[in-house]
């Protein structure tokens, strides 16, 4: 049987304080390569990354800041170029538990799912106690409810920064045409659903630490509005095609 190559991609921006902790807890037995793409950080992210002990670790740096979505595009482009069969996107801010990577890989290798999401929403009490601001929790739940209605899905969270894709998923959707901003995350999931791929979820304990990155209220509001527009466009397009 052909060996399945698993690549973890890290879209990084000012992650010097959390990068080492994130990389050190990625289960190396299940990962063949790690690719870090630095979006022109103003801190020492790249210098810290160069000290990693992982044997197959590649670092790329944008000459200027292009945005979160653009960073993911570079990550996926490089992983596909390196012939990855499973691509796992993990935020290097240590908000998500890297040790769960092995479960993503197992479920996808066994053919259960084409896409895996790490859901931070297991229970309201646990999520808020872990540090997620109440307004972010509420906006997450409201947006997810609306997105599920518009897409016909029943996902527990649409906005996680821990995701995995089979190669054929990324090759069959036009992710390069998506936004260079945060709404990229919503766009790519609607593309996955439009193509009929199977999405699975695993509960991921959330860690909101002082060193972890997070967008501010106004960027979050912009993201929310853009996400709703993407969802409405998907819903209208689906209804038109049914007629």
Protein backbone atom coordinates (compact mmCIF):
# COMPACT_ATOMS: atom_id res chain seq x y z
CA UNK A 1 0.00 0.00 0.00
CA UNK A 2 1.10 3.56 -0.74
CA UNK A 3 2.32 5.36 2.37
CA UNK A 4 0.06 8.24 3.26
CA UNK A 5 2.03 11.46 3.78
CA UNK A 6 0.76 13.76 6.52
CA UNK A 7 1.84 17.40 6.63
CA UNK A 8 1.02 19.89 9.39
CA UNK A 9 0.90 23.51 8.24
CA UNK A 10 1.29 26.42 10.66
CA UNK A 11 0.01 29.83 9.45
CA UNK A 12 2.04 32.05 11.76
CA UNK A 13 1.95 35.71 12.68
CA UNK A 14 3.77 37.00 15.77
CA UNK A 15 3.80 33.55 17.35
CA UNK A 16 7.23 33.60 19.02
CA UNK A 17 5.83 33.03 22.52
CA UNK A 18 3.73 29.97 21.70
CA UNK A 19 5.47 28.38 18.72
CA UNK A 20 7.84 26.10 20.64
CA UNK A 21 5.05 24.74 22.85
CA UNK A 22 2.88 24.07 19.82
CA UNK A 23 5.54 22.28 17.77
CA UNK A 24 6.88 20.27 20.70
CA UNK A 25 3.46 18.68 21.27
CA UNK A 26 2.76 17.68 17.68
CA UNK A 27 2.93 13.84 17.71
CA UNK A 28 5.91 13.29 15.37
CA UNK A 29 5.08 9.61 14.87
CA UNK A 30 1.99 10.60 12.88
CA UNK A 31 3.46 13.56 10.97
CA UNK A 32 5.92 13.41 8.08
CA UNK A 33 6.55 17.11 7.65
CA UNK A 34 5.78 20.49 9.23
CA UNK A 35 5.52 23.66 7.14
CA UNK A 36 5.48 27.07 8.83
CA UNK A 37 4.48 30.10 6.81
CA UNK A 38 5.28 33.39 8.51
CA UNK A 39 3.13 36.32 7.39
CA UNK A 40 5.85 38.97 7.84
CA UNK A 41 5.79 38.86 11.64
CA UNK A 42 7.26 41.80 13.54
CA UNK A 43 8.59 39.57 16.34
CA UNK A 44 11.09 36.68 16.38
CA UNK A 45 8.77 33.97 15.04
CA UNK A 46 11.15 32.93 12.26
CA UNK A 47 14.22 32.96 14.52
CA UNK A 48 12.42 30.76 17.05
CA UNK A 49 11.18 28.44 14.30
CA UNK A 50 14.73 27.89 13.02
CA UNK A 51 15.67 26.34 16.37
CA UNK A 52 13.12 23.54 16.15
CA UNK A 53 14.44 19.99 16.40
CA UNK A 54 11.83 18.43 14.10
CA UNK A 55 13.86 16.84 11.30
CA UNK A 56 11.53 17.67 8.39
CA UNK A 57 10.57 21.24 9.17
CA UNK A 58 10.27 23.89 6.46
CA UNK A 59 9.99 27.64 6.95
CA UNK A 60 8.66 30.15 4.46
CA UNK A 61 8.19 33.87 4.99
CA UNK A 62 6.02 36.39 3.18
CA UNK A 63 7.94 39.54 2.30
CA UNK A 64 4.96 41.60 3.43
CA UNK A 65 1.88 40.91 5.51
CA UNK A 66 -0.76 39.42 3.20
CA UNK A 67 -3.44 38.37 5.68
CA UNK A 68 -4.67 35.24 7.40
CA UNK A 69 -6.43 33.81 4.37
CA UNK A 70 -3.44 34.45 2.14
CA UNK A 71 -1.24 32.69 4.69
CA UNK A 72 -3.43 29.59 4.53
CA UNK A 73 -3.34 29.66 0.74
CA UNK A 74 0.46 29.54 0.83
CA UNK A 75 0.34 26.74 3.42
CA UNK A 76 -1.93 24.55 1.31
CA UNK A 77 -0.10 25.33 -1.92
CA UNK A 78 3.22 24.27 -0.40
CA UNK A 79 1.78 21.13 1.20
CA UNK A 80 0.24 20.01 -2.09
CA UNK A 81 3.51 20.72 -3.87
CA UNK A 82 5.25 18.45 -1.35
CA UNK A 83 2.77 15.67 -2.24
CA UNK A 84 0.89 15.65 1.07
CA UNK A 85 -2.07 13.25 1.27
CA UNK A 86 -3.44 14.73 4.52
CA UNK A 87 -2.92 18.40 5.34
CA UNK A 88 -3.57 19.53 8.91
CA UNK A 89 -3.84 23.26 9.57
CA UNK A 90 -2.98 24.17 13.15
CA UNK A 91 -2.80 27.66 14.61
CA UNK A 92 0.62 28.04 16.28
CA UNK A 93 -0.83 30.09 19.14
CA UNK A 94 -1.19 27.00 21.40
CA UNK A 95 -4.95 27.53 21.69
CA UNK A 96 -5.56 24.04 20.29
CA UNK A 97 -4.06 20.81 21.61
CA UNK A 98 -1.55 19.52 19.00
CA UNK A 99 -1.58 16.03 20.51
CA UNK A 100 -5.01 15.44 18.96
CA UNK A 101 -3.44 15.45 15.50
CA UNK A 102 -3.07 11.67 15.68
CA UNK A 103 -6.84 11.21 15.93
CA UNK A 104 -7.43 13.44 12.92
CA UNK A 105 -4.97 11.32 10.94
CA UNK A 106 -6.49 8.02 12.07
CA UNK A 107 -10.07 8.89 11.16
CA UNK A 108 -9.05 10.23 7.77
CA UNK A 109 -6.71 7.36 6.93
CA UNK A 110 -9.46 4.90 7.72
CA UNK A 111 -11.75 6.68 5.26
CA UNK A 112 -14.36 7.98 7.69
CA UNK A 113 -14.02 11.65 6.76
CA UNK A 114 -12.57 13.89 4.05
CA UNK A 115 -12.30 16.91 6.35
CA UNK A 116 -11.81 17.07 10.12
CA UNK A 117 -12.52 19.99 12.45
CA UNK A 118 -11.34 20.49 16.02
CA UNK A 119 -14.36 21.91 17.86
CA UNK A 120 -13.74 24.14 20.87
CA UNK A 121 -17.40 24.03 21.87
CA UNK A 122 -18.01 20.93 23.99
CA UNK A 123 -20.01 22.69 26.66
CA UNK A 124 -20.74 26.35 27.45
CA UNK A 125 -19.34 26.12 30.98
CA UNK A 126 -16.11 24.45 29.91
CA UNK A 127 -15.49 26.84 27.02
CA UNK A 128 -16.02 30.00 29.05
CA UNK A 129 -14.02 28.68 32.02
CA UNK A 130 -11.16 27.99 29.63
CA UNK A 131 -10.99 31.69 28.84
CA UNK A 132 -13.07 32.29 25.71
CA UNK A 133 -14.64 35.74 26.15
CA UNK A 134 -18.40 35.56 26.56
CA UNK A 135 -19.08 37.81 23.57
CA UNK A 136 -16.91 35.55 21.38
CA UNK A 137 -18.67 32.46 22.66
CA UNK A 138 -22.10 33.96 21.94
CA UNK A 139 -21.14 35.22 18.47
CA UNK A 140 -19.59 31.81 17.69
CA UNK A 141 -22.79 30.01 18.67
CA UNK A 142 -25.05 32.40 16.75
CA UNK A 143 -22.95 32.33 13.59
CA UNK A 144 -22.63 28.55 13.74
CA UNK A 145 -26.41 28.17 14.15
CA UNK A 146 -27.06 30.37 11.10
CA UNK A 147 -24.34 28.67 9.02
CA UNK A 148 -25.76 25.24 9.84
CA UNK A 149 -29.21 26.38 8.73
CA UNK A 150 -27.92 27.90 5.49
CA UNK A 151 -25.72 24.91 4.64
CA UNK A 152 -27.88 22.04 5.90
CA UNK A 153 -25.08 20.86 8.20
CA UNK A 154 -25.05 20.24 11.95
CA UNK A 155 -21.50 21.22 12.93
CA UNK A 156 -20.79 22.23 16.51
CA UNK A 157 -18.33 24.94 15.38
CA UNK A 158 -17.51 26.58 12.06
CA UNK A 159 -14.71 28.84 13.29
CA UNK A 160 -12.00 26.55 14.58
CA UNK A 161 -8.32 27.06 13.78
CA UNK A 162 -7.57 23.33 13.75
CA UNK A 163 -8.62 21.64 10.52
CA UNK A 164 -7.54 18.75 8.32
CA UNK A 165 -8.14 18.13 4.63
CA UNK A 166 -7.49 15.23 2.32
CA UNK A 167 -5.44 16.15 -0.71
CA UNK A 168 -8.32 15.59 -3.11
CA UNK A 169 -10.46 18.07 -1.18
CA UNK A 170 -8.03 20.96 -1.64
CA UNK A 171 -7.41 19.96 -5.24
CA UNK A 172 -11.11 20.06 -6.09
CA UNK A 173 -12.09 23.40 -4.55
CA UNK A 174 -11.02 26.89 -5.64
CA UNK A 175 -9.49 27.98 -2.32
CA UNK A 176 -7.09 30.32 -4.16
CA UNK A 177 -10.09 32.49 -5.12
CA UNK A 178 -11.11 33.00 -1.50
CA UNK A 179 -10.50 36.10 0.60
CA UNK A 180 -7.05 36.88 1.98
CA UNK A 181 -8.73 37.85 5.28
CA UNK A 182 -10.32 35.84 8.10
CA UNK A 183 -13.52 35.00 6.19
CA UNK A 184 -11.39 32.50 4.24
CA UNK A 185 -12.22 29.98 7.00
CA UNK A 186 -15.94 30.16 6.29
CA UNK A 187 -15.54 30.25 2.53
CA UNK A 188 -13.50 27.06 2.40
CA UNK A 189 -16.04 25.13 4.49
CA UNK A 190 -18.91 26.19 2.25
CA UNK A 191 -16.81 25.06 -0.73
CA UNK A 192 -16.24 21.69 0.93
CA UNK A 193 -19.98 21.28 1.57
CA UNK A 194 -20.86 22.33 -1.97
CA UNK A 195 -18.65 19.51 -3.29
CA UNK A 196 -20.28 16.96 -0.98
CA UNK A 197 -17.26 15.97 1.09
CA UNK A 198 -17.74 14.32 4.49
CA UNK A 199 -16.89 16.49 7.50
CA UNK A 200 -16.06 15.05 10.94
CA UNK A 201 -15.39 16.73 14.28
CA UNK A 202 -13.37 16.09 17.42
CA UNK A 203 -13.80 18.05 20.64
CA UNK A 204 -10.65 20.07 21.34
CA UNK A 205 -10.16 21.59 24.81
CA UNK A 206 -9.78 25.34 24.33
CA UNK A 207 -6.88 27.29 25.86
CA UNK A 208 -7.22 31.05 25.90
CA UNK A 209 -3.85 32.15 27.24
CA UNK A 210 -2.38 35.65 27.47
CA UNK A 211 0.18 34.69 24.82
CA UNK A 212 -2.41 33.30 22.39
CA UNK A 213 -3.39 35.46 19.45
CA UNK A 214 -6.94 36.64 18.93
CA UNK A 215 -8.66 39.14 16.63
CA UNK A 216 -10.21 42.20 18.24
CA UNK A 217 -13.90 43.06 18.44
CA UNK A 218 -14.08 45.13 15.25
CA UNK A 219 -12.17 42.61 13.14
CA UNK A 220 -14.44 39.95 14.60
CA UNK A 221 -17.53 41.96 13.67
CA UNK A 222 -16.26 42.36 10.10
CA UNK A 223 -15.60 38.63 9.95
CA UNK A 224 -19.11 37.87 11.21
CA UNK A 225 -20.82 40.08 8.62
CA UNK A 226 -18.70 38.68 5.78
CA UNK A 227 -19.43 35.13 6.95
CA UNK A 228 -23.18 35.76 6.88
CA UNK A 229 -22.90 37.12 3.33
CA UNK A 230 -20.98 34.01 2.24
CA UNK A 231 -23.60 31.78 3.82
CA UNK A 232 -26.50 33.66 2.20
CA UNK A 233 -24.81 33.47 -1.17
CA UNK A 234 -24.40 29.70 -0.75
CA UNK A 235 -28.06 29.30 0.29
CA UNK A 236 -29.42 31.38 -2.59
CA UNK A 237 -27.21 29.59 -5.11
CA UNK A 238 -28.38 26.21 -3.79
CA UNK A 239 -32.05 27.23 -4.02
CA UNK A 240 -31.60 28.48 -7.60
CA UNK A 241 -29.96 25.23 -8.67
CA UNK A 242 -32.89 23.25 -7.24
CA UNK A 243 -35.42 25.13 -9.36
